Amino acid sequence: MKANTIVRAPDIERPGLDNQELPVLAQYPQVL
């Protein structure tokens, strides 16, 4: 599962996807 977290991390860091990733962060608290 760590592999998925590493792939998601850079996407979340993108400012353009911040607003769209907000609901995703709620489902993936381990990414934080």
PDB file of N, CA and C in Angstrom:
ATOM      1  N   MET A   1       0.835  -1.206   0.000  1.00  0.00           N
ATOM      2  CA  MET A   1       0.000   0.000   0.000  1.00  0.00           C
ATOM      3  C   MET A   1       0.874   1.262   0.000  1.00  0.00           C
ATOM      4  N   LYS A   2       2.106   1.120   0.448  1.00  0.00           N
ATOM      5  CA  LYS A   2       2.996   2.289   0.484  1.00  0.00           C
ATOM      6  C   LYS A   2       3.254   2.789  -0.940  1.00  0.00           C
ATOM      7  N   ALA A   3       3.270   1.877  -1.910  1.00  0.00           N
ATOM      8  CA  ALA A   3       3.518   2.279  -3.293  1.00  0.00           C
ATOM      9  C   ALA A   3       2.454   3.270  -3.754  1.00  0.00           C
ATOM     10  N   ASN A   4       1.191   2.981  -3.445  1.00  0.00           N
ATOM     11  CA  ASN A   4       0.105   3.881  -3.827  1.00  0.00           C
ATOM     12  C   ASN A   4       0.264   5.232  -3.158  1.00  0.00           C
ATOM     13  N   THR A   5       0.686   5.224  -1.908  1.00  0.00           N
ATOM     14  CA  THR A   5       0.851   6.476  -1.169  1.00  0.00           C
ATOM     15  C   THR A   5       1.920   7.337  -1.825  1.00  0.00           C
ATOM     16  N   ILE A   6       2.999   6.699  -2.263  1.00  0.00           N
ATOM     17  CA  ILE A   6       4.095   7.444  -2.891  1.00  0.00           C
ATOM     18  C   ILE A   6       3.620   8.060  -4.211  1.00  0.00           C
ATOM     19  N   VAL A   7       2.781   7.338  -4.929  1.00  0.00           N
ATOM     20  CA  VAL A   7       2.289   7.844  -6.217  1.00  0.00           C
ATOM     21  C   VAL A   7       1.315   8.996  -6.001  1.00  0.00           C
ATOM     22  N   ARG A   8       0.529   8.904  -4.932  1.00  0.00           N
ATOM     23  CA  ARG A   8      -0.477   9.935  -4.656  1.00  0.00           C
ATOM     24  C   ARG A   8       0.168  11.209  -4.095  1.00  0.00           C
ATOM     25  N   ALA A   9       1.267  11.043  -3.385  1.00  0.00           N
ATOM     26  CA  ALA A   9       1.900  12.178  -2.708  1.00  0.00           C
ATOM     27  C   ALA A   9       2.185  13.352  -3.659  1.00  0.00           C
ATOM     28  N   PRO A  10       2.867  13.144  -4.784  1.00  0.00           N
ATOM     29  CA  PRO A  10       3.169  14.260  -5.688  1.00  0.00           C
ATOM     30  C   PRO A  10       1.907  14.916  -6.239  1.00  0.00           C
ATOM     31  N   ASP A  11       0.869  14.134  -6.488  1.00  0.00           N
ATOM     32  CA  ASP A  11      -0.382  14.706  -7.003  1.00  0.00           C
ATOM     33  C   ASP A  11      -1.010  15.644  -5.983  1.00  0.00           C
ATOM     34  N   ILE A  12      -0.933  15.271  -4.719  1.00  0.00           N
ATOM     35  CA  ILE A  12      -1.535  16.091  -3.667  1.00  0.00           C
ATOM     36  C   ILE A  12      -0.738  17.381  -3.488  1.00  0.00           C
ATOM     37  N   GLU A  13       0.567  17.314  -3.741  1.00  0.00           N
ATOM     38  CA  GLU A  13       1.416  18.492  -3.579  1.00  0.00           C
ATOM     39  C   GLU A  13       1.126  19.532  -4.660  1.00  0.00           C
ATOM     40  N   ARG A  14       0.510  19.119  -5.740  1.00  0.00           N
ATOM     41  CA  ARG A  14       0.201  20.062  -6.820  1.00  0.00           C
ATOM     42  C   ARG A  14      -0.878  21.036  -6.357  1.00  0.00           C
ATOM     43  N   PRO A  15      -0.620  22.335  -6.428  1.00  0.00           N
ATOM     44  CA  PRO A  15      -1.584  23.337  -5.966  1.00  0.00           C
ATOM     45  C   PRO A  15      -2.872  23.300  -6.777  1.00  0.00           C
ATOM     46  N   GLY A  16      -2.788  22.975  -8.052  1.00  0.00           N
ATOM     47  CA  GLY A  16      -3.966  22.962  -8.909  1.00  0.00           C
ATOM     48  C   GLY A  16      -4.952  21.872  -8.504  1.00  0.00           C
ATOM     49  N   LEU A  17      -4.429  20.786  -7.920  1.00  0.00           N
ATOM     50  CA  LEU A  17      -5.304  19.677  -7.546  1.00  0.00           C
ATOM     51  C   LEU A  17      -5.684  19.728  -6.069  1.00  0.00           C
ATOM     52  N   ASP A  18      -5.179  20.743  -5.359  1.00  0.00           N
ATOM     53  CA  ASP A  18      -5.461  20.833  -3.919  1.00  0.00           C
ATOM     54  C   ASP A  18      -6.962  20.782  -3.647  1.00  0.00           C
ATOM     55  N   ASN A  19      -7.725  21.641  -4.333  1.00  0.00           N
ATOM     56  CA  ASN A  19      -9.169  21.690  -4.091  1.00  0.00           C
ATOM     57  C   ASN A  19      -9.834  20.371  -4.472  1.00  0.00           C
ATOM     58  N   GLN A  20      -9.379  19.760  -5.558  1.00  0.00           N
ATOM     59  CA  GLN A  20      -9.991  18.506  -6.006  1.00  0.00           C
ATOM     60  C   GLN A  20      -9.549  17.337  -5.130  1.00  0.00           C
ATOM     61  N   GLU A  21      -8.366  17.470  -4.507  1.00  0.00           N
ATOM     62  CA  GLU A  21      -7.846  16.369  -3.694  1.00  0.00           C
ATOM     63  C   GLU A  21      -8.368  16.421  -2.264  1.00  0.00           C
ATOM     64  N   LEU A  22      -9.008  17.514  -1.874  1.00  0.00           N
ATOM     65  CA  LEU A  22      -9.507  17.630  -0.500  1.00  0.00           C
ATOM     66  C   LEU A  22     -10.373  16.438  -0.111  1.00  0.00           C
ATOM     67  N   PRO A  23     -11.380  16.062  -0.881  1.00  0.00           N
ATOM     68  CA  PRO A  23     -12.207  14.901  -0.528  1.00  0.00           C
ATOM     69  C   PRO A  23     -11.393  13.611  -0.550  1.00  0.00           C
ATOM     70  N   VAL A  24     -10.382  13.561  -1.400  1.00  0.00           N
ATOM     71  CA  VAL A  24      -9.536  12.365  -1.479  1.00  0.00           C
ATOM     72  C   VAL A  24      -8.712  12.230  -0.209  1.00  0.00           C
ATOM     73  N   LEU A  25      -8.225  13.359   0.299  1.00  0.00           N
ATOM     74  CA  LEU A  25      -7.434  13.331   1.536  1.00  0.00           C
ATOM     75  C   LEU A  25      -8.274  12.792   2.684  1.00  0.00           C
ATOM     76  N   ALA A  26      -9.547  13.109   2.687  1.00  0.00           N
ATOM     77  CA  ALA A  26     -10.431  12.634   3.760  1.00  0.00           C
ATOM     78  C   ALA A  26     -10.521  11.103   3.712  1.00  0.00           C
ATOM     79  N   GLN A  27     -10.440  10.543   2.503  1.00  0.00           N
ATOM     80  CA  GLN A  27     -10.532   9.086   2.365  1.00  0.00           C
ATOM     81  C   GLN A  27      -9.168   8.432   2.569  1.00  0.00           C
ATOM     82  N   TYR A  28      -8.103   9.217   2.372  1.00  0.00           N
ATOM     83  CA  TYR A  28      -6.746   8.673   2.521  1.00  0.00           C
ATOM     84  C   TYR A  28      -5.947   9.482   3.538  1.00  0.00           C
ATOM     85  N   PRO A  29      -6.315   9.392   4.820  1.00  0.00           N
ATOM     86  CA  PRO A  29      -5.617  10.147   5.866  1.00  0.00           C
ATOM     87  C   PRO A  29      -4.165   9.707   6.020  1.00  0.00           C
ATOM     88  N   GLN A  30      -3.846   8.476   5.617  1.00  0.00           N
ATOM     89  CA  GLN A  30      -2.471   7.991   5.762  1.00  0.00           C
ATOM     90  C   GLN A  30      -1.534   8.744   4.824  1.00  0.00           C
ATOM     91  N   VAL A  31      -2.068   9.364   3.769  1.00  0.00           N
ATOM     92  CA  VAL A  31      -1.212  10.122   2.853  1.00  0.00           C
ATOM     93  C   VAL A  31      -0.648  11.342   3.575  1.00  0.00           C
ATOM     94  N   LEU A  32      -1.452  11.924   4.474  1.00  0.00           N
ATOM     95  CA  LEU A  32      -1.002  13.087   5.225  1.00  0.00           C
ATOM     96  C   LEU A  32       0.105  12.663   6.182  1.00  0.00           C
TER      97      LEU A  32
END
